[in-house]
N, C-alpha and C. Protein backbone atom coordinates (compact mmCIF):
# COMPACT_ATOMS: atom_id res chain seq x y z
N MET A 1 11.48 -5.90 24.40
CA MET A 1 10.31 -5.16 23.94
C MET A 1 10.11 -3.95 24.84
N SER A 2 9.77 -2.86 24.27
CA SER A 2 9.63 -1.60 24.99
C SER A 2 8.35 -1.56 25.79
N ASP A 3 8.35 -0.74 26.84
CA ASP A 3 7.13 -0.50 27.59
C ASP A 3 6.17 0.35 26.79
N ALA A 4 6.69 1.05 25.79
CA ALA A 4 5.87 2.00 25.03
C ALA A 4 4.80 1.30 24.22
N ALA A 5 5.03 0.10 23.82
CA ALA A 5 4.03 -0.61 23.02
C ALA A 5 4.19 -2.10 23.25
N GLN A 6 3.11 -2.79 23.30
CA GLN A 6 3.13 -4.24 23.41
C GLN A 6 2.86 -4.80 22.04
N LEU A 7 3.44 -5.94 21.77
CA LEU A 7 3.39 -6.52 20.44
C LEU A 7 2.70 -7.86 20.48
N THR A 8 1.80 -8.09 19.57
CA THR A 8 1.18 -9.39 19.42
C THR A 8 1.67 -9.96 18.11
N ARG A 9 2.32 -11.07 18.13
CA ARG A 9 2.80 -11.72 16.91
C ARG A 9 1.69 -12.62 16.39
N SER A 10 1.64 -12.75 15.08
CA SER A 10 0.53 -13.48 14.47
C SER A 10 0.44 -14.92 14.92
N GLY A 11 1.51 -15.60 15.26
CA GLY A 11 1.42 -16.99 15.67
C GLY A 11 1.18 -17.18 17.15
N GLY A 12 1.38 -16.16 17.95
CA GLY A 12 1.31 -16.32 19.39
C GLY A 12 0.04 -15.78 19.98
N GLY A 13 -0.02 -15.88 21.28
CA GLY A 13 -1.18 -15.38 21.99
C GLY A 13 -1.09 -13.88 22.19
N GLU A 14 -2.14 -13.33 22.70
CA GLU A 14 -2.21 -11.89 22.94
C GLU A 14 -1.26 -11.53 24.07
N VAL A 15 -0.50 -10.49 23.86
CA VAL A 15 0.40 -9.98 24.88
C VAL A 15 -0.39 -9.00 25.73
N PRO A 16 -0.24 -9.03 27.06
CA PRO A 16 -0.98 -8.08 27.88
C PRO A 16 -0.67 -6.65 27.46
N SER A 17 -1.65 -5.79 27.52
CA SER A 17 -1.45 -4.41 27.09
C SER A 17 -0.79 -3.61 28.21
N ALA A 18 -0.29 -2.45 27.85
CA ALA A 18 0.44 -1.61 28.79
C ALA A 18 -0.50 -0.58 29.41
N ARG A 19 -1.56 -1.00 30.02
CA ARG A 19 -2.54 -0.09 30.59
C ARG A 19 -1.98 0.77 31.72
N SER A 20 -0.91 0.35 32.33
CA SER A 20 -0.35 1.12 33.43
C SER A 20 0.11 2.50 32.99
N HIS A 21 0.29 2.70 31.68
CA HIS A 21 0.71 4.00 31.17
C HIS A 21 -0.47 4.97 31.08
N GLY A 22 -1.67 4.50 31.22
CA GLY A 22 -2.84 5.36 31.14
C GLY A 22 -3.39 5.45 29.74
N GLY A 23 -4.65 5.80 29.66
CA GLY A 23 -5.30 5.92 28.36
C GLY A 23 -5.69 4.57 27.81
N PRO A 24 -6.66 4.56 26.91
CA PRO A 24 -7.11 3.29 26.33
C PRO A 24 -6.07 2.71 25.38
N ASP A 25 -6.17 1.41 25.18
CA ASP A 25 -5.29 0.73 24.23
C ASP A 25 -5.86 0.86 22.83
N HIS A 26 -4.95 0.90 21.86
CA HIS A 26 -5.32 0.92 20.45
C HIS A 26 -4.52 -0.17 19.76
N GLN A 27 -5.16 -0.86 18.81
CA GLN A 27 -4.45 -1.88 18.05
C GLN A 27 -4.29 -1.43 16.61
N PHE A 28 -3.14 -1.79 16.05
CA PHE A 28 -2.77 -1.40 14.70
C PHE A 28 -2.20 -2.59 13.95
N ILE A 29 -2.44 -2.62 12.65
CA ILE A 29 -1.71 -3.53 11.76
C ILE A 29 -0.51 -2.74 11.29
N SER A 30 0.69 -3.30 11.47
CA SER A 30 1.88 -2.60 10.99
C SER A 30 2.35 -3.25 9.69
N PHE A 31 2.96 -2.43 8.85
CA PHE A 31 3.43 -2.89 7.55
C PHE A 31 4.62 -2.05 7.12
N ARG A 32 5.33 -2.55 6.12
CA ARG A 32 6.54 -1.87 5.64
C ARG A 32 6.33 -1.35 4.22
N VAL A 33 6.85 -0.15 4.02
CA VAL A 33 6.88 0.47 2.70
C VAL A 33 8.25 1.14 2.57
N ALA A 34 9.02 0.71 1.59
CA ALA A 34 10.35 1.29 1.32
C ALA A 34 11.23 1.31 2.57
N GLY A 35 11.19 0.24 3.34
CA GLY A 35 12.05 0.12 4.51
C GLY A 35 11.57 0.83 5.75
N GLN A 36 10.45 1.53 5.68
CA GLN A 36 9.88 2.23 6.83
C GLN A 36 8.66 1.47 7.33
N GLU A 37 8.36 1.63 8.61
CA GLU A 37 7.22 0.92 9.19
C GLU A 37 6.08 1.90 9.48
N TYR A 38 4.89 1.48 9.10
CA TYR A 38 3.68 2.27 9.28
C TYR A 38 2.62 1.39 9.93
N GLY A 39 1.58 2.03 10.45
CA GLY A 39 0.48 1.28 11.03
C GLY A 39 -0.85 1.95 10.72
N VAL A 40 -1.90 1.13 10.65
CA VAL A 40 -3.26 1.63 10.51
C VAL A 40 -4.12 0.96 11.57
N ASP A 41 -5.15 1.66 12.00
CA ASP A 41 -6.07 1.13 13.00
C ASP A 41 -6.61 -0.21 12.53
N ILE A 42 -6.51 -1.20 13.39
CA ILE A 42 -6.93 -2.56 13.03
C ILE A 42 -8.42 -2.61 12.69
N MET A 43 -9.21 -1.72 13.26
CA MET A 43 -10.65 -1.73 13.00
C MET A 43 -11.00 -1.26 11.59
N SER A 44 -10.07 -0.58 10.91
CA SER A 44 -10.34 -0.15 9.54
C SER A 44 -9.95 -1.22 8.52
N VAL A 45 -9.18 -2.22 8.96
CA VAL A 45 -8.70 -3.26 8.04
C VAL A 45 -9.80 -4.30 7.82
N ARG A 46 -10.12 -4.54 6.55
CA ARG A 46 -11.15 -5.52 6.21
C ARG A 46 -10.54 -6.84 5.74
N GLU A 47 -9.36 -6.76 5.13
CA GLU A 47 -8.77 -7.96 4.53
C GLU A 47 -7.33 -7.66 4.14
N ILE A 48 -6.51 -8.69 4.11
CA ILE A 48 -5.15 -8.59 3.58
C ILE A 48 -5.04 -9.67 2.51
N LYS A 49 -4.65 -9.27 1.30
CA LYS A 49 -4.57 -10.24 0.21
C LYS A 49 -3.26 -10.10 -0.53
N GLY A 50 -2.84 -11.18 -1.13
CA GLY A 50 -1.63 -11.17 -1.94
C GLY A 50 -1.80 -10.28 -3.16
N TRP A 51 -0.68 -9.81 -3.70
CA TRP A 51 -0.71 -8.94 -4.86
C TRP A 51 -1.24 -9.67 -6.08
N SER A 52 -2.11 -9.01 -6.82
CA SER A 52 -2.53 -9.46 -8.14
C SER A 52 -2.65 -8.21 -9.00
N GLU A 53 -2.46 -8.38 -10.29
CA GLU A 53 -2.47 -7.22 -11.19
C GLU A 53 -3.81 -6.48 -11.11
N THR A 54 -3.74 -5.18 -11.32
CA THR A 54 -4.92 -4.33 -11.30
C THR A 54 -5.18 -3.80 -12.70
N THR A 55 -6.35 -3.21 -12.88
CA THR A 55 -6.70 -2.56 -14.14
C THR A 55 -6.53 -1.06 -13.95
N MET A 56 -5.64 -0.48 -14.73
CA MET A 56 -5.35 0.95 -14.63
C MET A 56 -6.50 1.76 -15.21
N LEU A 57 -6.82 2.88 -14.58
CA LEU A 57 -7.84 3.80 -15.09
C LEU A 57 -7.15 5.04 -15.64
N PRO A 58 -7.60 5.54 -16.80
CA PRO A 58 -6.98 6.74 -17.36
C PRO A 58 -7.17 7.95 -16.44
N HIS A 59 -6.22 8.87 -16.49
CA HIS A 59 -6.27 10.14 -15.76
C HIS A 59 -6.31 9.94 -14.24
N SER A 60 -5.75 8.86 -13.77
CA SER A 60 -5.68 8.60 -12.33
C SER A 60 -4.45 9.28 -11.75
N PRO A 61 -4.46 9.57 -10.45
CA PRO A 61 -3.26 10.13 -9.83
C PRO A 61 -2.09 9.16 -9.95
N HIS A 62 -0.87 9.67 -9.90
CA HIS A 62 0.32 8.83 -10.09
C HIS A 62 0.43 7.71 -9.07
N TYR A 63 -0.16 7.87 -7.91
CA TYR A 63 -0.06 6.85 -6.87
C TYR A 63 -1.20 5.85 -6.89
N MET A 64 -2.13 5.98 -7.83
CA MET A 64 -3.20 4.99 -7.94
C MET A 64 -2.73 3.87 -8.85
N ARG A 65 -2.70 2.67 -8.32
CA ARG A 65 -2.19 1.52 -9.06
C ARG A 65 -3.21 0.98 -10.04
N GLY A 66 -4.49 1.21 -9.77
CA GLY A 66 -5.56 0.69 -10.60
C GLY A 66 -6.70 0.21 -9.72
N VAL A 67 -7.56 -0.62 -10.30
CA VAL A 67 -8.68 -1.17 -9.54
C VAL A 67 -8.63 -2.69 -9.64
N LEU A 68 -9.22 -3.33 -8.64
CA LEU A 68 -9.35 -4.78 -8.68
C LEU A 68 -10.77 -5.16 -8.31
N ASN A 69 -11.15 -6.36 -8.71
CA ASN A 69 -12.47 -6.89 -8.41
C ASN A 69 -12.34 -7.75 -7.16
N LEU A 70 -12.97 -7.31 -6.08
CA LEU A 70 -12.94 -8.03 -4.81
C LEU A 70 -14.34 -8.56 -4.54
N ARG A 71 -14.57 -9.80 -4.95
CA ARG A 71 -15.87 -10.45 -4.78
C ARG A 71 -17.02 -9.57 -5.29
N GLY A 72 -16.83 -9.01 -6.49
CA GLY A 72 -17.87 -8.23 -7.13
C GLY A 72 -17.79 -6.73 -6.86
N ALA A 73 -16.99 -6.30 -5.91
CA ALA A 73 -16.83 -4.87 -5.62
C ALA A 73 -15.57 -4.37 -6.32
N ILE A 74 -15.68 -3.24 -7.00
CA ILE A 74 -14.53 -2.63 -7.66
C ILE A 74 -13.81 -1.77 -6.62
N VAL A 75 -12.55 -2.11 -6.34
CA VAL A 75 -11.78 -1.48 -5.27
C VAL A 75 -10.56 -0.77 -5.86
N PRO A 76 -10.42 0.55 -5.63
CA PRO A 76 -9.21 1.23 -6.07
C PRO A 76 -8.02 0.80 -5.20
N VAL A 77 -6.86 0.63 -5.83
CA VAL A 77 -5.65 0.23 -5.11
C VAL A 77 -4.62 1.35 -5.27
N PHE A 78 -4.12 1.83 -4.14
CA PHE A 78 -3.15 2.91 -4.12
C PHE A 78 -1.79 2.39 -3.69
N ASP A 79 -0.77 2.82 -4.39
CA ASP A 79 0.62 2.44 -4.13
C ASP A 79 1.17 3.40 -3.08
N LEU A 80 1.37 2.91 -1.84
CA LEU A 80 1.82 3.81 -0.78
C LEU A 80 3.24 4.33 -1.01
N ARG A 81 4.09 3.54 -1.63
CA ARG A 81 5.44 4.03 -1.93
C ARG A 81 5.35 5.27 -2.83
N ALA A 82 4.52 5.21 -3.86
CA ALA A 82 4.34 6.36 -4.76
C ALA A 82 3.65 7.50 -4.02
N ARG A 83 2.68 7.19 -3.19
CA ARG A 83 1.95 8.22 -2.44
C ARG A 83 2.88 8.99 -1.51
N PHE A 84 3.90 8.30 -0.98
CA PHE A 84 4.85 8.93 -0.07
C PHE A 84 6.02 9.57 -0.81
N GLY A 85 5.96 9.60 -2.15
CA GLY A 85 6.99 10.27 -2.93
C GLY A 85 8.20 9.42 -3.26
N GLY A 86 8.09 8.11 -3.10
CA GLY A 86 9.23 7.23 -3.34
C GLY A 86 9.24 6.55 -4.68
N GLY A 87 8.41 6.98 -5.62
CA GLY A 87 8.35 6.31 -6.91
C GLY A 87 7.45 5.09 -6.83
N GLY A 88 7.11 4.54 -7.97
CA GLY A 88 6.21 3.39 -8.02
C GLY A 88 6.87 2.11 -7.52
N THR A 89 6.06 1.22 -6.99
CA THR A 89 6.53 -0.08 -6.50
C THR A 89 6.68 -1.04 -7.66
N GLU A 90 7.82 -1.71 -7.73
CA GLU A 90 7.99 -2.82 -8.67
C GLU A 90 7.48 -4.05 -7.95
N THR A 91 6.27 -4.46 -8.30
CA THR A 91 5.59 -5.50 -7.53
C THR A 91 6.18 -6.88 -7.79
N SER A 92 6.02 -7.72 -6.78
CA SER A 92 6.39 -9.13 -6.86
C SER A 92 5.33 -9.91 -6.08
N LYS A 93 5.47 -11.21 -6.08
CA LYS A 93 4.47 -12.03 -5.37
C LYS A 93 4.55 -11.85 -3.86
N THR A 94 5.58 -11.18 -3.35
CA THR A 94 5.67 -10.95 -1.90
C THR A 94 4.92 -9.71 -1.44
N HIS A 95 4.52 -8.84 -2.37
CA HIS A 95 3.77 -7.64 -2.00
C HIS A 95 2.33 -8.02 -1.63
N VAL A 96 1.71 -7.18 -0.80
CA VAL A 96 0.34 -7.44 -0.39
C VAL A 96 -0.49 -6.17 -0.52
N VAL A 97 -1.79 -6.37 -0.56
CA VAL A 97 -2.75 -5.27 -0.58
C VAL A 97 -3.55 -5.37 0.71
N ILE A 98 -3.52 -4.28 1.47
CA ILE A 98 -4.34 -4.19 2.69
C ILE A 98 -5.62 -3.48 2.29
N ILE A 99 -6.74 -4.16 2.47
CA ILE A 99 -8.05 -3.59 2.14
C ILE A 99 -8.58 -2.91 3.40
N VAL A 100 -8.89 -1.61 3.29
CA VAL A 100 -9.36 -0.84 4.43
C VAL A 100 -10.69 -0.17 4.11
N ALA A 101 -11.45 0.12 5.15
CA ALA A 101 -12.69 0.89 5.02
C ALA A 101 -12.36 2.34 5.36
N VAL A 102 -12.72 3.25 4.45
CA VAL A 102 -12.44 4.67 4.62
C VAL A 102 -13.73 5.44 4.38
N GLU A 103 -14.28 6.01 5.42
CA GLU A 103 -15.48 6.83 5.30
C GLU A 103 -16.54 6.19 4.41
N GLY A 104 -16.85 4.93 4.68
CA GLY A 104 -17.89 4.22 3.95
C GLY A 104 -17.46 3.63 2.62
N ARG A 105 -16.19 3.76 2.27
CA ARG A 105 -15.68 3.20 1.02
C ARG A 105 -14.62 2.16 1.32
N THR A 106 -14.36 1.32 0.34
CA THR A 106 -13.33 0.30 0.46
C THR A 106 -12.18 0.67 -0.46
N ILE A 107 -10.95 0.64 0.10
CA ILE A 107 -9.74 1.04 -0.63
C ILE A 107 -8.66 0.02 -0.37
N GLY A 108 -7.83 -0.25 -1.38
CA GLY A 108 -6.68 -1.13 -1.21
C GLY A 108 -5.40 -0.32 -1.14
N MET A 109 -4.49 -0.74 -0.27
CA MET A 109 -3.18 -0.09 -0.13
C MET A 109 -2.11 -1.12 -0.47
N LEU A 110 -1.33 -0.85 -1.52
CA LEU A 110 -0.23 -1.72 -1.89
C LEU A 110 0.95 -1.43 -0.98
N VAL A 111 1.43 -2.47 -0.26
CA VAL A 111 2.55 -2.33 0.67
C VAL A 111 3.56 -3.44 0.40
N ASP A 112 4.77 -3.28 0.93
CA ASP A 112 5.82 -4.28 0.73
C ASP A 112 5.53 -5.55 1.51
N ALA A 113 5.12 -5.42 2.76
CA ALA A 113 4.85 -6.59 3.60
C ALA A 113 4.10 -6.15 4.85
N VAL A 114 3.29 -7.05 5.39
CA VAL A 114 2.63 -6.82 6.68
C VAL A 114 3.58 -7.33 7.75
N SER A 115 3.71 -6.57 8.83
CA SER A 115 4.66 -6.93 9.89
C SER A 115 3.99 -7.61 11.07
N ASP A 116 3.19 -6.87 11.82
CA ASP A 116 2.66 -7.35 13.09
C ASP A 116 1.32 -6.71 13.41
N ILE A 117 0.75 -7.18 14.51
CA ILE A 117 -0.36 -6.50 15.16
C ILE A 117 0.25 -5.84 16.39
N LEU A 118 0.08 -4.53 16.52
CA LEU A 118 0.67 -3.77 17.61
C LEU A 118 -0.41 -3.22 18.51
N THR A 119 -0.13 -3.14 19.80
CA THR A 119 -1.03 -2.53 20.76
C THR A 119 -0.28 -1.42 21.47
N ALA A 120 -0.88 -0.24 21.53
CA ALA A 120 -0.24 0.90 22.21
C ALA A 120 -1.29 1.64 23.03
N CYS A 121 -0.88 2.17 24.16
CA CYS A 121 -1.73 3.05 24.95
C CYS A 121 -1.75 4.43 24.30
N SER A 122 -2.84 5.15 24.48
CA SER A 122 -2.94 6.50 23.93
C SER A 122 -1.78 7.37 24.37
N ASP A 123 -1.36 7.24 25.62
CA ASP A 123 -0.27 8.07 26.15
C ASP A 123 1.07 7.78 25.48
N ASP A 124 1.21 6.61 24.87
CA ASP A 124 2.47 6.24 24.22
C ASP A 124 2.58 6.75 22.79
N ILE A 125 1.47 7.22 22.24
CA ILE A 125 1.46 7.73 20.87
C ILE A 125 1.83 9.21 20.92
N ARG A 126 2.90 9.56 20.25
CA ARG A 126 3.44 10.92 20.27
C ARG A 126 3.06 11.68 19.01
N PRO A 127 2.92 13.01 19.11
CA PRO A 127 2.63 13.80 17.92
C PRO A 127 3.82 13.83 16.97
N VAL A 128 3.55 14.12 15.72
CA VAL A 128 4.60 14.24 14.72
C VAL A 128 5.32 15.57 14.98
N PRO A 129 6.63 15.54 15.12
CA PRO A 129 7.35 16.80 15.39
C PRO A 129 7.37 17.70 14.16
N ASP A 130 7.47 19.00 14.41
CA ASP A 130 7.63 19.96 13.32
C ASP A 130 9.04 19.81 12.80
N THR A 131 9.17 19.44 11.54
CA THR A 131 10.49 19.21 10.96
C THR A 131 11.12 20.48 10.42
N GLY A 132 10.36 21.57 10.38
CA GLY A 132 10.90 22.84 9.95
C GLY A 132 11.13 22.97 8.46
N ASP A 133 10.77 21.94 7.71
CA ASP A 133 11.01 21.98 6.26
C ASP A 133 9.74 22.24 5.46
N GLY A 134 8.64 22.52 6.15
CA GLY A 134 7.39 22.79 5.47
C GLY A 134 6.68 21.55 4.96
N ALA A 135 7.25 20.37 5.23
CA ALA A 135 6.62 19.12 4.77
C ALA A 135 5.29 18.93 5.49
N GLU A 136 4.33 18.43 4.74
CA GLU A 136 3.01 18.17 5.32
C GLU A 136 2.95 16.74 5.81
N HIS A 137 2.55 16.59 7.04
CA HIS A 137 2.42 15.27 7.65
C HIS A 137 0.99 15.07 8.15
N ASP A 138 0.03 15.70 7.47
CA ASP A 138 -1.36 15.65 7.91
C ASP A 138 -1.91 14.24 8.00
N PHE A 139 -1.39 13.33 7.19
CA PHE A 139 -1.92 11.98 7.17
C PHE A 139 -1.25 11.07 8.19
N ILE A 140 -0.34 11.60 9.00
CA ILE A 140 0.26 10.81 10.08
C ILE A 140 -0.38 11.24 11.39
N LYS A 141 -1.08 10.30 12.05
CA LYS A 141 -1.76 10.57 13.32
C LYS A 141 -0.77 10.75 14.46
N GLY A 142 0.30 9.98 14.44
CA GLY A 142 1.26 10.02 15.52
C GLY A 142 2.34 8.98 15.31
N LEU A 143 3.26 8.92 16.26
CA LEU A 143 4.39 7.99 16.20
C LEU A 143 4.49 7.25 17.53
N PHE A 144 4.93 6.00 17.47
CA PHE A 144 5.26 5.32 18.71
C PHE A 144 6.36 4.31 18.46
N SER A 145 7.05 3.97 19.55
CA SER A 145 8.21 3.08 19.47
C SER A 145 7.84 1.68 19.92
N VAL A 146 8.42 0.71 19.23
CA VAL A 146 8.34 -0.69 19.61
C VAL A 146 9.79 -1.16 19.63
N GLY A 147 10.37 -1.23 20.80
CA GLY A 147 11.79 -1.55 20.89
C GLY A 147 12.59 -0.47 20.19
N GLU A 148 13.38 -0.86 19.22
CA GLU A 148 14.20 0.08 18.45
C GLU A 148 13.47 0.61 17.22
N ARG A 149 12.26 0.11 16.95
CA ARG A 149 11.51 0.50 15.76
C ARG A 149 10.62 1.70 16.05
N MET A 150 10.50 2.59 15.07
CA MET A 150 9.56 3.71 15.14
C MET A 150 8.47 3.43 14.12
N VAL A 151 7.22 3.50 14.56
CA VAL A 151 6.07 3.23 13.70
C VAL A 151 5.28 4.52 13.52
N ALA A 152 5.03 4.90 12.27
CA ALA A 152 4.20 6.06 11.95
C ALA A 152 2.77 5.58 11.73
N LEU A 153 1.85 6.11 12.51
CA LEU A 153 0.44 5.71 12.42
C LEU A 153 -0.27 6.60 11.41
N LEU A 154 -0.88 5.98 10.42
CA LEU A 154 -1.51 6.71 9.33
C LEU A 154 -2.98 7.00 9.60
N ASP A 155 -3.41 8.17 9.20
CA ASP A 155 -4.82 8.53 9.19
C ASP A 155 -5.29 8.25 7.76
N VAL A 156 -5.90 7.10 7.56
CA VAL A 156 -6.24 6.64 6.22
C VAL A 156 -7.21 7.60 5.53
N ALA A 157 -8.13 8.20 6.29
CA ALA A 157 -9.09 9.13 5.69
C ALA A 157 -8.37 10.34 5.08
N ARG A 158 -7.32 10.81 5.72
CA ARG A 158 -6.57 11.97 5.20
C ARG A 158 -5.55 11.56 4.15
N LEU A 159 -5.12 10.32 4.20
CA LEU A 159 -4.10 9.85 3.28
C LEU A 159 -4.57 9.89 1.83
N PHE A 160 -5.85 9.60 1.63
CA PHE A 160 -6.41 9.58 0.28
C PHE A 160 -7.48 10.65 0.16
N ASP A 161 -7.24 11.60 -0.70
CA ASP A 161 -8.20 12.66 -0.96
C ASP A 161 -9.49 12.02 -1.43
N ILE A 162 -10.59 12.36 -0.79
CA ILE A 162 -11.86 11.70 -1.08
C ILE A 162 -12.29 11.94 -2.53
N GLU A 163 -11.96 13.10 -3.12
CA GLU A 163 -12.31 13.33 -4.52
C GLU A 163 -11.54 12.40 -5.44
N CYS A 164 -10.31 12.10 -5.08
CA CYS A 164 -9.50 11.15 -5.85
C CYS A 164 -10.14 9.77 -5.79
N VAL A 165 -10.56 9.38 -4.59
CA VAL A 165 -11.19 8.08 -4.42
C VAL A 165 -12.48 8.03 -5.23
N ASP A 166 -13.25 9.11 -5.20
CA ASP A 166 -14.49 9.15 -5.96
C ASP A 166 -14.22 9.00 -7.46
N ALA A 167 -13.19 9.66 -7.96
CA ALA A 167 -12.86 9.55 -9.38
C ALA A 167 -12.47 8.12 -9.73
N ALA A 168 -11.79 7.46 -8.81
CA ALA A 168 -11.34 6.09 -9.07
C ALA A 168 -12.50 5.11 -9.10
N THR A 169 -13.51 5.33 -8.26
CA THR A 169 -14.61 4.39 -8.18
C THR A 169 -15.78 4.78 -9.06
N GLY A 170 -15.75 6.01 -9.56
CA GLY A 170 -16.85 6.47 -10.38
C GLY A 170 -18.04 6.95 -9.57
N GLN A 171 -17.90 6.95 -8.24
CA GLN A 171 -18.99 7.42 -7.39
C GLN A 171 -18.90 8.93 -7.27
N PRO A 172 -20.04 9.63 -7.22
CA PRO A 172 -20.00 11.09 -7.13
C PRO A 172 -19.39 11.54 -5.81
N ALA A 173 -18.72 12.71 -5.85
CA ALA A 173 -18.14 13.28 -4.63
C ALA A 173 -19.26 13.70 -3.70
N ARG A 174 -18.97 13.61 -2.41
CA ARG A 174 -19.97 14.04 -1.42
C ARG A 174 -19.91 15.52 -1.22
């Protein structure tokens, strides 16, 4: 395991954090989409649930999978593979939906699988390099390594355009 990030596995105890690198520790839920690993701040995660069919809404963006009823709340579910330009996910019972809180709203993210809980020091999180191809990476907060793995940390608020979320939930735009 790398010094750059400490890993907590779901069945084991908490691994000591790498505070010697400086900066506060941050925890992330990591997950896989199309063979790549991503992470979101653990404090934004409300729930992880198995895949179940959603109800599609007309005129939704191509990456919106539909809505689901989560204990009486209507939650839009977004397909991250489609959002990242990889085409729609062919779902199976192994796929999961990560329910996150985004600027006072609840949103579901369809992912291939949840991986781990990761802990990283602020100093270990690196900026996204300029790739020179004009690609926009505004929704990636930074990158960090866990052993041989590279994890892209997502800024969930930027990942989903708030007007799109409003259209999905029927709530007026702010």
